PDB file of all heavy atoms in Angstrom:
ATOM      1  N   LYS A   1     -11.593  50.329 -46.342  1.00  0.00           N
ATOM      2  CA  LYS A   1     -12.734  50.475 -47.254  1.00  0.00           C
ATOM      3  C   LYS A   1     -12.434  50.029 -48.683  1.00  0.00           C
ATOM      4  O   LYS A   1     -13.342  49.731 -49.439  1.00  0.00           O
ATOM      5  CB  LYS A   1     -13.272  51.902 -47.232  1.00  0.00           C
ATOM      6  CG  LYS A   1     -12.383  52.946 -47.832  1.00  0.00           C
ATOM      7  CD  LYS A   1     -13.072  54.293 -47.777  1.00  0.00           C
ATOM      8  CE  LYS A   1     -12.227  55.350 -48.434  1.00  0.00           C
ATOM      9  NZ  LYS A   1     -12.873  56.653 -48.426  1.00  0.00           N
ATOM     10  N   PHE A   2     -11.146  49.946 -49.062  1.00  0.00           N
ATOM     11  CA  PHE A   2     -10.804  49.471 -50.386  1.00  0.00           C
ATOM     12  C   PHE A   2     -10.457  47.987 -50.387  1.00  0.00           C
ATOM     13  O   PHE A   2     -10.017  47.447 -51.391  1.00  0.00           O
ATOM     14  CB  PHE A   2      -9.625  50.279 -50.956  1.00  0.00           C
ATOM     15  CG  PHE A   2      -9.918  51.742 -51.064  1.00  0.00           C
ATOM     16  CD1 PHE A   2      -9.266  52.654 -50.245  1.00  0.00           C
ATOM     17  CD2 PHE A   2     -10.856  52.217 -51.961  1.00  0.00           C
ATOM     18  CE1 PHE A   2      -9.537  54.005 -50.336  1.00  0.00           C
ATOM     19  CE2 PHE A   2     -11.137  53.558 -52.053  1.00  0.00           C
ATOM     20  CZ  PHE A   2     -10.474  54.460 -51.231  1.00  0.00           C
ATOM     21  N   GLY A   3     -10.619  47.323 -49.225  1.00  0.00           N
ATOM     22  CA  GLY A   3     -10.307  45.897 -49.115  1.00  0.00           C
ATOM     23  C   GLY A   3     -11.365  45.045 -49.789  1.00  0.00           C
ATOM     24  O   GLY A   3     -12.486  45.470 -50.039  1.00  0.00           O
ATOM     25  N   ASN A   4     -10.996  43.795 -50.054  1.00  0.00           N
ATOM     26  CA  ASN A   4     -11.934  42.877 -50.697  1.00  0.00           C
ATOM     27  C   ASN A   4     -12.483  41.902 -49.658  1.00  0.00           C
ATOM     28  O   ASN A   4     -12.528  42.208 -48.470  1.00  0.00           O
ATOM     29  CB  ASN A   4     -11.252  42.149 -51.854  1.00  0.00           C
ATOM     30  CG  ASN A   4      -9.965  41.470 -51.409  1.00  0.00           C
ATOM     31  OD1 ASN A   4      -9.726  41.301 -50.218  1.00  0.00           O
ATOM     32  ND2 ASN A   4      -9.141  41.081 -52.356  1.00  0.00           N
ATOM     33  N   ILE A   5     -12.851  40.708 -50.061  1.00  0.00           N
ATOM     34  CA  ILE A   5     -13.413  39.733 -49.127  1.00  0.00           C
ATOM     35  C   ILE A   5     -12.376  39.233 -48.120  1.00  0.00           C
ATOM     36  O   ILE A   5     -12.736  38.652 -47.100  1.00  0.00           O
ATOM     37  CB  ILE A   5     -14.022  38.518 -49.878  1.00  0.00           C
ATOM     38  CG1 ILE A   5     -12.976  37.865 -50.779  1.00  0.00           C
ATOM     39  CG2 ILE A   5     -15.256  38.921 -50.649  1.00  0.00           C
ATOM     40  CD1 ILE A   5     -13.414  36.550 -51.363  1.00  0.00           C
ATOM     41  N   MET A   6     -11.097  39.481 -48.361  1.00  0.00           N
ATOM     42  CA  MET A   6     -10.035  39.063 -47.450  1.00  0.00           C
ATOM     43  C   MET A   6      -9.753  40.129 -46.384  1.00  0.00           C
ATOM     44  O   MET A   6      -8.702  40.123 -45.753  1.00  0.00           O
ATOM     45  CB  MET A   6      -8.748  38.773 -48.235  1.00  0.00           C
ATOM     46  CG  MET A   6      -8.906  37.724 -49.305  1.00  0.00           C
ATOM     47  SD  MET A   6      -9.428  36.157 -48.631  1.00  0.00           S
ATOM     48  CE  MET A   6      -7.871  35.529 -48.085  1.00  0.00           C
ATOM     49  N   ASN A   7     -10.694  41.059 -46.173  1.00  0.00           N
ATOM     50  CA  ASN A   7     -10.526  42.124 -45.194  1.00  0.00           C
ATOM     51  C   ASN A   7     -10.453  41.548 -43.782  1.00  0.00           C
ATOM     52  O   ASN A   7     -10.948  40.453 -43.525  1.00  0.00           O
ATOM     53  CB  ASN A   7     -11.687  43.112 -45.303  1.00  0.00           C
ATOM     54  CG  ASN A   7     -11.241  44.547 -45.147  1.00  0.00           C
ATOM     55  OD1 ASN A   7     -10.206  44.816 -44.548  1.00  0.00           O
ATOM     56  ND2 ASN A   7     -12.025  45.452 -45.678  1.00  0.00           N
ATOM     57  N   HIS A   8      -9.874  42.265 -42.861  1.00  0.00           N
ATOM     58  CA  HIS A   8      -9.670  41.794 -41.492  1.00  0.00           C
ATOM     59  C   HIS A   8     -10.907  42.007 -40.622  1.00  0.00           C
ATOM     60  O   HIS A   8     -11.805  42.754 -40.980  1.00  0.00           O
ATOM     61  CB  HIS A   8      -8.475  42.518 -40.863  1.00  0.00           C
ATOM     62  CG  HIS A   8      -8.706  43.984 -40.674  1.00  0.00           C
ATOM     63  ND1 HIS A   8      -8.512  44.893 -41.682  1.00  0.00           N
ATOM     64  CD2 HIS A   8      -9.130  44.690 -39.604  1.00  0.00           C
ATOM     65  CE1 HIS A   8      -8.800  46.093 -41.232  1.00  0.00           C
ATOM     66  NE2 HIS A   8      -9.176  46.006 -39.968  1.00  0.00           N
ATOM     67  N   GLU A   9     -10.924  41.364 -39.463  1.00  0.00           N
ATOM     68  CA  GLU A   9     -11.991  41.551 -38.486  1.00  0.00           C
ATOM     69  C   GLU A   9     -11.593  42.712 -37.568  1.00  0.00           C
ATOM     70  O   GLU A   9     -10.491  42.726 -37.017  1.00  0.00           O
ATOM     71  CB  GLU A   9     -12.177  40.274 -37.670  1.00  0.00           C
ATOM     72  CG  GLU A   9     -13.444  40.281 -36.864  1.00  0.00           C
ATOM     73  CD  GLU A   9     -13.759  38.912 -36.302  1.00  0.00           C
ATOM     74  OE1 GLU A   9     -13.586  37.918 -37.012  1.00  0.00           O
ATOM     75  OE2 GLU A   9     -14.176  38.871 -35.138  1.00  0.00           O
ATOM     76  N   PRO A  10     -12.483  43.688 -37.355  1.00  0.00           N
ATOM     77  CA  PRO A  10     -12.103  44.908 -36.630  1.00  0.00           C
ATOM     78  C   PRO A  10     -11.672  44.716 -35.172  1.00  0.00           C
ATOM     79  O   PRO A  10     -10.768  45.382 -34.710  1.00  0.00           O
ATOM     80  CB  PRO A  10     -13.359  45.773 -36.690  1.00  0.00           C
ATOM     81  CG  PRO A  10     -14.117  45.259 -37.850  1.00  0.00           C
ATOM     82  CD  PRO A  10     -13.792  43.813 -37.959  1.00  0.00           C
ATOM     83  N   LYS A  11     -12.308  43.828 -34.411  1.00  0.00           N
ATOM     84  CA  LYS A  11     -12.020  43.758 -32.974  1.00  0.00           C
ATOM     85  C   LYS A  11     -11.297  42.489 -32.548  1.00  0.00           C
ATOM     86  O   LYS A  11     -11.378  42.092 -31.390  1.00  0.00           O
ATOM     87  CB  LYS A  11     -13.330  43.874 -32.184  1.00  0.00           C
ATOM     88  CG  LYS A  11     -13.786  45.288 -32.006  1.00  0.00           C
ATOM     89  CD  LYS A  11     -14.266  45.502 -30.611  1.00  0.00           C
ATOM     90  CE  LYS A  11     -14.543  46.955 -30.409  1.00  0.00           C
ATOM     91  NZ  LYS A  11     -14.687  47.347 -29.067  1.00  0.00           N
ATOM     92  N   SER A  12     -10.544  41.854 -33.408  1.00  0.00           N
ATOM     93  CA  SER A  12      -9.860  40.622 -33.025  1.00  0.00           C
ATOM     94  C   SER A  12      -8.658  40.929 -32.128  1.00  0.00           C
ATOM     95  O   SER A  12      -8.130  42.032 -32.128  1.00  0.00           O
ATOM     96  CB  SER A  12      -9.410  39.855 -34.271  1.00  0.00           C
ATOM     97  OG  SER A  12      -8.473  40.615 -34.983  1.00  0.00           O
ATOM     98  N   ASP A  13      -8.226  39.927 -31.336  1.00  0.00           N
ATOM     99  CA  ASP A  13      -7.044  40.069 -30.494  1.00  0.00           C
ATOM    100  C   ASP A  13      -5.802  40.034 -31.389  1.00  0.00           C
ATOM    101  O   ASP A  13      -5.716  39.226 -32.297  1.00  0.00           O
ATOM    102  CB  ASP A  13      -6.958  38.939 -29.466  1.00  0.00           C
ATOM    103  CG  ASP A  13      -8.079  39.009 -28.442  1.00  0.00           C
ATOM    104  OD1 ASP A  13      -8.808  40.018 -28.427  1.00  0.00           O
ATOM    105  OD2 ASP A  13      -8.216  38.059 -27.653  1.00  0.00           O
ATOM    106  N   ARG A  14      -4.844  40.901 -31.075  1.00  0.00           N
ATOM    107  CA  ARG A  14      -3.625  40.985 -31.875  1.00  0.00           C
ATOM    108  C   ARG A  14      -2.412  40.717 -31.004  1.00  0.00           C
ATOM    109  O   ARG A  14      -2.296  41.243 -29.908  1.00  0.00           O
ATOM    110  CB  ARG A  14      -3.535  42.363 -32.521  1.00  0.00           C
ATOM    111  CG  ARG A  14      -4.614  42.508 -33.577  1.00  0.00           C
ATOM    112  CD  ARG A  14      -4.854  43.929 -33.977  1.00  0.00           C
ATOM    113  NE  ARG A  14      -5.888  43.979 -34.985  1.00  0.00           N
ATOM    114  CZ  ARG A  14      -7.170  44.163 -34.713  1.00  0.00           C
ATOM    115  NH1 ARG A  14      -7.580  44.289 -33.480  1.00  0.00           N
ATOM    116  NH2 ARG A  14      -8.053  44.201 -35.688  1.00  0.00           N
ATOM    117  N   LYS A  15      -1.504  39.891 -31.519  1.00  0.00           N
ATOM    118  CA  LYS A  15      -0.320  39.491 -30.766  1.00  0.00           C
ATOM    119  C   LYS A  15       0.714  40.616 -30.751  1.00  0.00           C
ATOM    120  O   LYS A  15       0.965  41.239 -31.773  1.00  0.00           O
ATOM    121  CB  LYS A  15       0.290  38.236 -31.391  1.00  0.00           C
ATOM    122  CG  LYS A  15       1.433  37.650 -30.605  1.00  0.00           C
ATOM    123  CD  LYS A  15       1.897  36.358 -31.234  1.00  0.00           C
ATOM    124  CE  LYS A  15       3.069  35.800 -30.471  1.00  0.00           C
ATOM    125  NZ  LYS A  15       3.544  34.554 -31.044  1.00  0.00           N
ATOM    126  N   LEU A  16       1.298  40.838 -29.563  1.00  0.00           N
ATOM    127  CA  LEU A  16       2.368  41.815 -29.423  1.00  0.00           C
ATOM    128  C   LEU A  16       3.698  41.095 -29.328  1.00  0.00           C
ATOM    129  O   LEU A  16       3.787  40.004 -28.772  1.00  0.00           O
ATOM    130  CB  LEU A  16       2.152  42.666 -28.165  1.00  0.00           C
ATOM    131  CG  LEU A  16       0.907  43.540 -28.164  1.00  0.00           C
ATOM    132  CD1 LEU A  16       0.793  44.302 -26.860  1.00  0.00           C
ATOM    133  CD2 LEU A  16       0.918  44.504 -29.331  1.00  0.00           C
ATOM    134  N   LEU A  17       4.735  41.699 -29.866  1.00  0.00           N
ATOM    135  CA  LEU A  17       6.054  41.093 -29.911  1.00  0.00           C
ATOM    136  C   LEU A  17       6.964  41.743 -28.870  1.00  0.00           C
ATOM    137  O   LEU A  17       7.337  42.908 -28.997  1.00  0.00           O
ATOM    138  CB  LEU A  17       6.655  41.252 -31.311  1.00  0.00           C
ATOM    139  CG  LEU A  17       5.771  40.732 -32.446  1.00  0.00           C
ATOM    140  CD1 LEU A  17       6.347  41.123 -33.786  1.00  0.00           C
ATOM    141  CD2 LEU A  17       5.605  39.242 -32.343  1.00  0.00           C
ATOM    142  N   LEU A  18       7.293  40.981 -27.830  1.00  0.00           N
ATOM    143  CA  LEU A  18       8.192  41.413 -26.770  1.00  0.00           C
ATOM    144  C   LEU A  18       9.204  40.312 -26.509  1.00  0.00           C
ATOM    145  O   LEU A  18       8.976  39.154 -26.859  1.00  0.00           O
ATOM    146  CB  LEU A  18       7.412  41.684 -25.477  1.00  0.00           C
ATOM    147  CG  LEU A  18       6.538  42.930 -25.430  1.00  0.00           C
ATOM    148  CD1 LEU A  18       5.536  42.823 -24.297  1.00  0.00           C
ATOM    149  CD2 LEU A  18       7.388  44.160 -25.244  1.00  0.00           C
ATOM    150  N   HIS A  19      10.311  40.650 -25.847  1.00  0.00           N
ATOM    151  CA  HIS A  19      11.292  39.649 -25.464  1.00  0.00           C
ATOM    152  C   HIS A  19      10.752  38.818 -24.304  1.00  0.00           C
ATOM    153  O   HIS A  19       9.963  39.303 -23.491  1.00  0.00           O
ATOM    154  CB  HIS A  19      12.604  40.320 -25.032  1.00  0.00           C
ATOM    155  CG  HIS A  19      13.290  41.050 -26.138  1.00  0.00           C
ATOM    156  ND1 HIS A  19      14.015  40.402 -27.109  1.00  0.00           N
ATOM    157  CD2 HIS A  19      13.351  42.366 -26.441  1.00  0.00           C
ATOM    158  CE1 HIS A  19      14.503  41.294 -27.952  1.00  0.00           C
ATOM    159  NE2 HIS A  19      14.104  42.499 -27.579  1.00  0.00           N
ATOM    160  N   LYS A  20      11.155  37.554 -24.232  1.00  0.00           N
ATOM    161  CA  LYS A  20      10.692  36.655 -23.172  1.00  0.00           C
ATOM    162  C   LYS A  20      10.970  37.222 -21.786  1.00  0.00           C
ATOM    163  O   LYS A  20      10.155  37.111 -20.877  1.00  0.00           O
ATOM    164  CB  LYS A  20      11.366  35.288 -23.300  1.00  0.00           C
ATOM    165  CG  LYS A  20      10.748  34.404 -24.337  1.00  0.00           C
ATOM    166  CD  LYS A  20      10.291  33.121 -23.672  1.00  0.00           C
ATOM    167  CE  LYS A  20       9.945  32.092 -24.709  1.00  0.00           C
ATOM    168  NZ  LYS A  20       8.541  32.042 -25.017  1.00  0.00           N
ATOM    169  N   LYS A  21      12.138  37.839 -21.628  1.00  0.00           N
ATOM    170  CA  LYS A  21      12.518  38.425 -20.341  1.00  0.00           C
ATOM    171  C   LYS A  21      11.520  39.515 -19.942  1.00  0.00           C
ATOM    172  O   LYS A  21      11.103  39.595 -18.787  1.00  0.00           O
ATOM    173  CB  LYS A  21      13.923  39.023 -20.466  1.00  0.00           C
ATOM    174  CG  LYS A  21      14.727  39.043 -19.220  1.00  0.00           C
ATOM    175  CD  LYS A  21      16.111  39.596 -19.537  1.00  0.00           C
ATOM    176  CE  LYS A  21      17.141  38.922 -18.671  1.00  0.00           C
ATOM    177  NZ  LYS A  21      18.490  39.409 -18.914  1.00  0.00           N
ATOM    178  N   GLN A  22      11.134  40.352 -20.915  1.00  0.00           N
ATOM    179  CA  GLN A  22      10.168  41.415 -20.650  1.00  0.00           C
ATOM    180  C   GLN A  22       8.799  40.830 -20.290  1.00  0.00           C
ATOM    181  O   GLN A  22       8.130  41.323 -19.390  1.00  0.00           O
ATOM    182  CB  GLN A  22      10.026  42.320 -21.870  1.00  0.00           C
ATOM    183  CG  GLN A  22      11.220  43.193 -22.146  1.00  0.00           C
ATOM    184  CD  GLN A  22      11.062  43.991 -23.423  1.00  0.00           C
ATOM    185  OE1 GLN A  22      10.496  43.502 -24.400  1.00  0.00           O
ATOM    186  NE2 GLN A  22      11.578  45.210 -23.418  1.00  0.00           N
ATOM    187  N   ILE A  23       8.399  39.775 -20.999  1.00  0.00           N
ATOM    188  CA  ILE A  23       7.098  39.158 -20.741  1.00  0.00           C
ATOM    189  C   ILE A  23       7.063  38.565 -19.338  1.00  0.00           C
ATOM    190  O   ILE A  23       6.086  38.733 -18.602  1.00  0.00           O
ATOM    191  CB  ILE A  23       6.779  38.086 -21.800  1.00  0.00           C
ATOM    192  CG1 ILE A  23       6.601  38.733 -23.173  1.00  0.00           C
ATOM    193  CG2 ILE A  23       5.521  37.304 -21.423  1.00  0.00           C
ATOM    194  CD1 ILE A  23       6.473  37.774 -24.321  1.00  0.00           C
ATOM    195  N   ARG A  24       8.136  37.896 -18.933  1.00  0.00           N
ATOM    196  CA  ARG A  24       8.185  37.327 -17.584  1.00  0.00           C
ATOM    197  C   ARG A  24       8.116  38.412 -16.520  1.00  0.00           C
ATOM    198  O   ARG A  24       7.440  38.269 -15.504  1.00  0.00           O
ATOM    199  CB  ARG A  24       9.446  36.486 -17.419  1.00  0.00           C
ATOM    200  CG  ARG A  24       9.381  35.186 -18.167  1.00  0.00           C
ATOM    201  CD  ARG A  24      10.527  34.252 -17.782  1.00  0.00           C
ATOM    202  NE  ARG A  24      10.583  33.150 -18.725  1.00  0.00           N
ATOM    203  CZ  ARG A  24      11.579  32.947 -19.578  1.00  0.00           C
ATOM    204  NH1 ARG A  24      12.630  33.736 -19.585  1.00  0.00           N
ATOM    205  NH2 ARG A  24      11.544  31.921 -20.408  1.00  0.00           N
ATOM    206  N   LYS A  25       8.830  39.512 -16.745  1.00  0.00           N
ATOM    207  CA  LYS A  25       8.819  40.625 -15.800  1.00  0.00           C
ATOM    208  C   LYS A  25       7.418  41.225 -15.700  1.00  0.00           C
ATOM    209  O   LYS A  25       6.914  41.492 -14.605  1.00  0.00           O
ATOM    210  CB  LYS A  25       9.824  41.691 -16.236  1.00  0.00           C
ATOM    211  CG  LYS A  25       9.960  42.844 -15.281  1.00  0.00           C
ATOM    212  CD  LYS A  25      10.999  43.830 -15.770  1.00  0.00           C
ATOM    213  CE  LYS A  25      11.088  45.027 -14.840  1.00  0.00           C
ATOM    214  NZ  LYS A  25      12.026  46.034 -15.333  1.00  0.00           N
ATOM    215  N   LEU A  26       6.778  41.419 -16.864  1.00  0.00           N
ATOM    216  CA  LEU A  26       5.424  41.966 -16.879  1.00  0.00           C
ATOM    217  C   LEU A  26       4.440  41.031 -16.186  1.00  0.00           C
ATOM    218  O   LEU A  26       3.556  41.470 -15.458  1.00  0.00           O
ATOM    219  CB  LEU A  26       4.970  42.220 -18.320  1.00  0.00           C
ATOM    220  CG  LEU A  26       5.559  43.431 -19.008  1.00  0.00           C
ATOM    221  CD1 LEU A  26       5.158  43.441 -20.473  1.00  0.00           C
ATOM    222  CD2 LEU A  26       5.121  44.699 -18.339  1.00  0.00           C
ATOM    223  N   CYS A  27       4.613  39.729 -16.420  1.00  0.00           N
ATOM    224  CA  CYS A  27       3.723  38.735 -15.823  1.00  0.00           C
ATOM    225  C   CYS A  27       3.797  38.801 -14.294  1.00  0.00           C
ATOM    226  O   CYS A  27       2.771  38.754 -13.614  1.00  0.00           O
ATOM    227  CB  CYS A  27       4.089  37.347 -16.328  1.00  0.00           C
ATOM    228  SG  CYS A  27       2.822  36.125 -16.041  1.00  0.00           S
ATOM    229  N   SER A  28       5.009  38.915 -13.757  1.00  0.00           N
ATOM    230  CA  SER A  28       5.153  38.987 -12.305  1.00  0.00           C
ATOM    231  C   SER A  28       4.588  40.293 -11.751  1.00  0.00           C
ATOM    232  O   SER A  28       4.007  40.316 -10.664  1.00  0.00           O
ATOM    233  CB  SER A  28       6.614  38.825 -11.892  1.00  0.00           C
ATOM    234  OG  SER A  28       7.371  39.911 -12.334  1.00  0.00           O
ATOM    235  N   LYS A  29       4.734  41.387 -12.491  1.00  0.00           N
ATOM    236  CA  LYS A  29       4.194  42.681 -12.049  1.00  0.00           C
ATOM    237  C   LYS A  29       2.668  42.690 -12.062  1.00  0.00           C
ATOM    238  O   LYS A  29       2.036  43.266 -11.184  1.00  0.00           O
ATOM    239  CB  LYS A  29       4.713  43.817 -12.936  1.00  0.00           C
ATOM    240  CG  LYS A  29       6.146  44.153 -12.732  1.00  0.00           C
ATOM    241  CD  LYS A  29       6.309  45.033 -11.529  1.00  0.00           C
ATOM    242  CE  LYS A  29       7.719  45.596 -11.516  1.00  0.00           C
ATOM    243  NZ  LYS A  29       7.931  46.498 -10.407  1.00  0.00           N
TER     244      LYS A  29
END
């Protein structure tokens, strides 16, 4: 509420940071 015109969009997709090995394992699961 104290942000200016550079405020963020509420429902945008946000990137998560995981190791490649974890991402591959999750992808197969």
